């Protein structure tokens, strides 16, 4: 993901999670907000809690989600999105996790169009 497409600030994470629309699935919890009028692209933040495992496990999970998003390569919607990886996420079930994430992202796209 390019730097433009990342949510980095803690205040932004809090604002999006607190005020955004939520979609919960087995492995993910997604929160999104429409972006400011001058923003013409998607910004994404990925969060993993300590309950998911040690640092190595959490980094692997974030890498997998980034790879899933890179395959999709669709950053045209003007929204801010936070993807929280839930503790039941399994690194070994990559394809199933990818289908679940893509279905959630498609659901968001349908709601906004």
C-alpha atoms as a PDB file:
ATOM      1  CA  UNK A   1       0.000   0.000   0.000  1.00  0.00           C
ATOM      2  CA  UNK A   2       1.262   3.446  -0.819  1.00  0.00           C
ATOM      3  CA  UNK A   3       1.738   5.971   1.958  1.00  0.00           C
ATOM      4  CA  UNK A   4      -1.209   7.999   0.604  1.00  0.00           C
ATOM      5  CA  UNK A   5      -3.514   5.041   1.160  1.00  0.00           C
ATOM      6  CA  UNK A   6      -2.690   4.473   4.845  1.00  0.00           C
ATOM      7  CA  UNK A   7      -4.392   5.645   8.007  1.00  0.00           C
ATOM      8  CA  UNK A   8      -1.541   6.214  10.451  1.00  0.00           C
ATOM      9  CA  UNK A   9      -2.652   8.660  13.137  1.00  0.00           C
ATOM     10  CA  UNK A  10      -4.115   7.269  16.353  1.00  0.00           C
ATOM     11  CA  UNK A  11      -6.787  10.004  16.347  1.00  0.00           C
ATOM     12  CA  UNK A  12      -7.916   8.903  12.878  1.00  0.00           C
ATOM     13  CA  UNK A  13      -8.182   5.267  13.998  1.00  0.00           C
ATOM     14  CA  UNK A  14     -10.278   6.290  16.997  1.00  0.00           C
ATOM     15  CA  UNK A  15     -12.527   8.600  14.961  1.00  0.00           C
ATOM     16  CA  UNK A  16     -13.210   5.990  12.274  1.00  0.00           C
ATOM     17  CA  UNK A  17     -13.853   3.160  14.744  1.00  0.00           C
ATOM     18  CA  UNK A  18     -16.034   5.281  17.029  1.00  0.00           C
ATOM     19  CA  UNK A  19     -18.114   7.065  14.353  1.00  0.00           C
ATOM     20  CA  UNK A  20     -17.942   4.690  11.400  1.00  0.00           C
ATOM     21  CA  UNK A  21     -20.298   2.085  10.056  1.00  0.00           C
ATOM     22  CA  UNK A  22     -19.279  -1.415  11.128  1.00  0.00           C
ATOM     23  CA  UNK A  23     -19.278  -4.768   9.384  1.00  0.00           C
ATOM     24  CA  UNK A  24     -18.351  -7.790  11.488  1.00  0.00           C
ATOM     25  CA  UNK A  25     -17.373 -11.161  10.082  1.00  0.00           C
ATOM     26  CA  UNK A  26     -15.793 -14.223  11.637  1.00  0.00           C
ATOM     27  CA  UNK A  27     -12.192 -13.025  11.180  1.00  0.00           C
ATOM     28  CA  UNK A  28     -12.510  -9.280  10.610  1.00  0.00           C
ATOM     29  CA  UNK A  29     -14.225  -6.229  11.979  1.00  0.00           C
ATOM     30  CA  UNK A  30     -14.369  -3.407   9.432  1.00  0.00           C
ATOM     31  CA  UNK A  31     -15.228   0.220  10.216  1.00  0.00           C
ATOM     32  CA  UNK A  32     -15.552   2.840   7.507  1.00  0.00           C
ATOM     33  CA  UNK A  33     -16.415   6.490   7.127  1.00  0.00           C
ATOM     34  CA  UNK A  34     -16.901   8.575   3.995  1.00  0.00           C
ATOM     35  CA  UNK A  35     -13.806  10.687   3.510  1.00  0.00           C
ATOM     36  CA  UNK A  36     -13.568  14.457   3.347  1.00  0.00           C
ATOM     37  CA  UNK A  37     -14.763  15.985   0.050  1.00  0.00           C
ATOM     38  CA  UNK A  38     -11.245  16.809  -1.149  1.00  0.00           C
ATOM     39  CA  UNK A  39     -10.016  13.199  -0.689  1.00  0.00           C
ATOM     40  CA  UNK A  40     -10.520  11.115  -3.838  1.00  0.00           C
ATOM     41  CA  UNK A  41      -9.023   7.796  -2.728  1.00  0.00           C
ATOM     42  CA  UNK A  42      -9.313   5.127  -0.056  1.00  0.00           C
ATOM     43  CA  UNK A  43      -7.222   5.195   3.123  1.00  0.00           C
ATOM     44  CA  UNK A  44      -6.850   1.910   4.999  1.00  0.00           C
ATOM     45  CA  UNK A  45      -5.566   1.091   8.467  1.00  0.00           C
ATOM     46  CA  UNK A  46      -4.962  -2.414   9.809  1.00  0.00           C
ATOM     47  CA  UNK A  47      -5.154  -3.185  13.526  1.00  0.00           C
ATOM     48  CA  UNK A  48      -4.246  -6.397  15.351  1.00  0.00           C
ATOM     49  CA  UNK A  49      -4.730  -6.812  19.089  1.00  0.00           C
ATOM     50  CA  UNK A  50      -2.337  -8.543  21.454  1.00  0.00           C
ATOM     51  CA  UNK A  51      -4.893 -11.291  22.010  1.00  0.00           C
ATOM     52  CA  UNK A  52      -4.070 -12.539  18.479  1.00  0.00           C
ATOM     53  CA  UNK A  53      -0.697 -13.853  19.632  1.00  0.00           C
ATOM     54  CA  UNK A  54       2.916 -12.793  19.832  1.00  0.00           C
ATOM     55  CA  UNK A  55       4.534 -10.085  17.736  1.00  0.00           C
ATOM     56  CA  UNK A  56       5.611 -12.503  15.002  1.00  0.00           C
ATOM     57  CA  UNK A  57       2.066 -13.820  14.598  1.00  0.00           C
ATOM     58  CA  UNK A  58       0.550 -10.336  14.519  1.00  0.00           C
ATOM     59  CA  UNK A  59       3.031  -9.171  11.864  1.00  0.00           C
ATOM     60  CA  UNK A  60       2.276 -12.243   9.707  1.00  0.00           C
ATOM     61  CA  UNK A  61      -1.438 -11.528   9.945  1.00  0.00           C
ATOM     62  CA  UNK A  62      -0.955  -7.894   8.906  1.00  0.00           C
ATOM     63  CA  UNK A  63       1.264  -8.952   5.994  1.00  0.00           C
ATOM     64  CA  UNK A  64      -1.374 -11.384   4.783  1.00  0.00           C
ATOM     65  CA  UNK A  65      -4.094  -8.739   4.891  1.00  0.00           C
ATOM     66  CA  UNK A  66      -1.846  -6.267   3.050  1.00  0.00           C
ATOM     67  CA  UNK A  67      -1.230  -8.917   0.370  1.00  0.00           C
ATOM     68  CA  UNK A  68      -4.976  -9.476   0.040  1.00  0.00           C
ATOM     69  CA  UNK A  69      -5.512  -5.743  -0.398  1.00  0.00           C
ATOM     70  CA  UNK A  70      -2.671  -5.495  -2.916  1.00  0.00           C
ATOM     71  CA  UNK A  71      -4.263  -8.215  -5.063  1.00  0.00           C
ATOM     72  CA  UNK A  72      -7.539  -6.305  -5.021  1.00  0.00           C
ATOM     73  CA  UNK A  73      -5.805  -3.018  -5.904  1.00  0.00           C
ATOM     74  CA  UNK A  74      -8.984  -0.922  -5.739  1.00  0.00           C
ATOM     75  CA  UNK A  75      -8.475   2.399  -3.968  1.00  0.00           C
ATOM     76  CA  UNK A  76     -10.905   4.585  -5.905  1.00  0.00           C
ATOM     77  CA  UNK A  77     -13.672   4.915  -3.274  1.00  0.00           C
ATOM     78  CA  UNK A  78     -13.260   8.052  -1.127  1.00  0.00           C
ATOM     79  CA  UNK A  79     -13.523   6.346   2.284  1.00  0.00           C
ATOM     80  CA  UNK A  80     -11.426   5.811   5.391  1.00  0.00           C
ATOM     81  CA  UNK A  81     -11.385   2.131   6.373  1.00  0.00           C
ATOM     82  CA  UNK A  82     -10.058   0.323   9.441  1.00  0.00           C
ATOM     83  CA  UNK A  83      -9.653  -3.457   9.320  1.00  0.00           C
ATOM     84  CA  UNK A  84      -9.362  -5.075  12.745  1.00  0.00           C
ATOM     85  CA  UNK A  85      -8.119  -8.657  12.599  1.00  0.00           C
ATOM     86  CA  UNK A  86      -9.980 -10.731  15.184  1.00  0.00           C
ATOM     87  CA  UNK A  87      -8.299 -13.318  17.454  1.00  0.00           C
ATOM     88  CA  UNK A  88      -9.852 -16.308  15.640  1.00  0.00           C
ATOM     89  CA  UNK A  89      -7.969 -15.391  12.408  1.00  0.00           C
ATOM     90  CA  UNK A  90      -5.950 -18.367  11.136  1.00  0.00           C
ATOM     91  CA  UNK A  91      -2.801 -17.812   9.082  1.00  0.00           C
ATOM     92  CA  UNK A  92      -3.195 -21.229   7.424  1.00  0.00           C
ATOM     93  CA  UNK A  93      -6.634 -20.428   5.954  1.00  0.00           C
ATOM     94  CA  UNK A  94      -5.401 -17.699   3.593  1.00  0.00           C
ATOM     95  CA  UNK A  95      -7.844 -18.325   0.710  1.00  0.00           C
ATOM     96  CA  UNK A  96     -10.898 -18.467   2.963  1.00  0.00           C
ATOM     97  CA  UNK A  97      -9.785 -15.298   4.764  1.00  0.00           C
ATOM     98  CA  UNK A  98      -9.248 -13.554   1.424  1.00  0.00           C
ATOM     99  CA  UNK A  99     -12.740 -14.486   0.214  1.00  0.00           C
ATOM    100  CA  UNK A 100     -14.239 -13.233   3.473  1.00  0.00           C
ATOM    101  CA  UNK A 101     -12.390  -9.906   3.267  1.00  0.00           C
ATOM    102  CA  UNK A 102     -13.269  -9.411  -0.410  1.00  0.00           C
ATOM    103  CA  UNK A 103     -16.944 -10.122   0.302  1.00  0.00           C
ATOM    104  CA  UNK A 104     -16.911  -7.503   3.069  1.00  0.00           C
ATOM    105  CA  UNK A 105     -15.212  -4.939   0.830  1.00  0.00           C
ATOM    106  CA  UNK A 106     -17.750  -5.634  -1.932  1.00  0.00           C
ATOM    107  CA  UNK A 107     -20.537  -5.137   0.608  1.00  0.00           C
ATOM    108  CA  UNK A 108     -19.098  -1.724   1.520  1.00  0.00           C
ATOM    109  CA  UNK A 109     -18.829  -0.773  -2.161  1.00  0.00           C
ATOM    110  CA  UNK A 110     -22.497  -1.713  -2.742  1.00  0.00           C
ATOM    111  CA  UNK A 111     -23.665   0.324   0.262  1.00  0.00           C
ATOM    112  CA  UNK A 112     -21.834   3.432  -0.940  1.00  0.00           C
ATOM    113  CA  UNK A 113     -22.983   3.225  -4.565  1.00  0.00           C
END
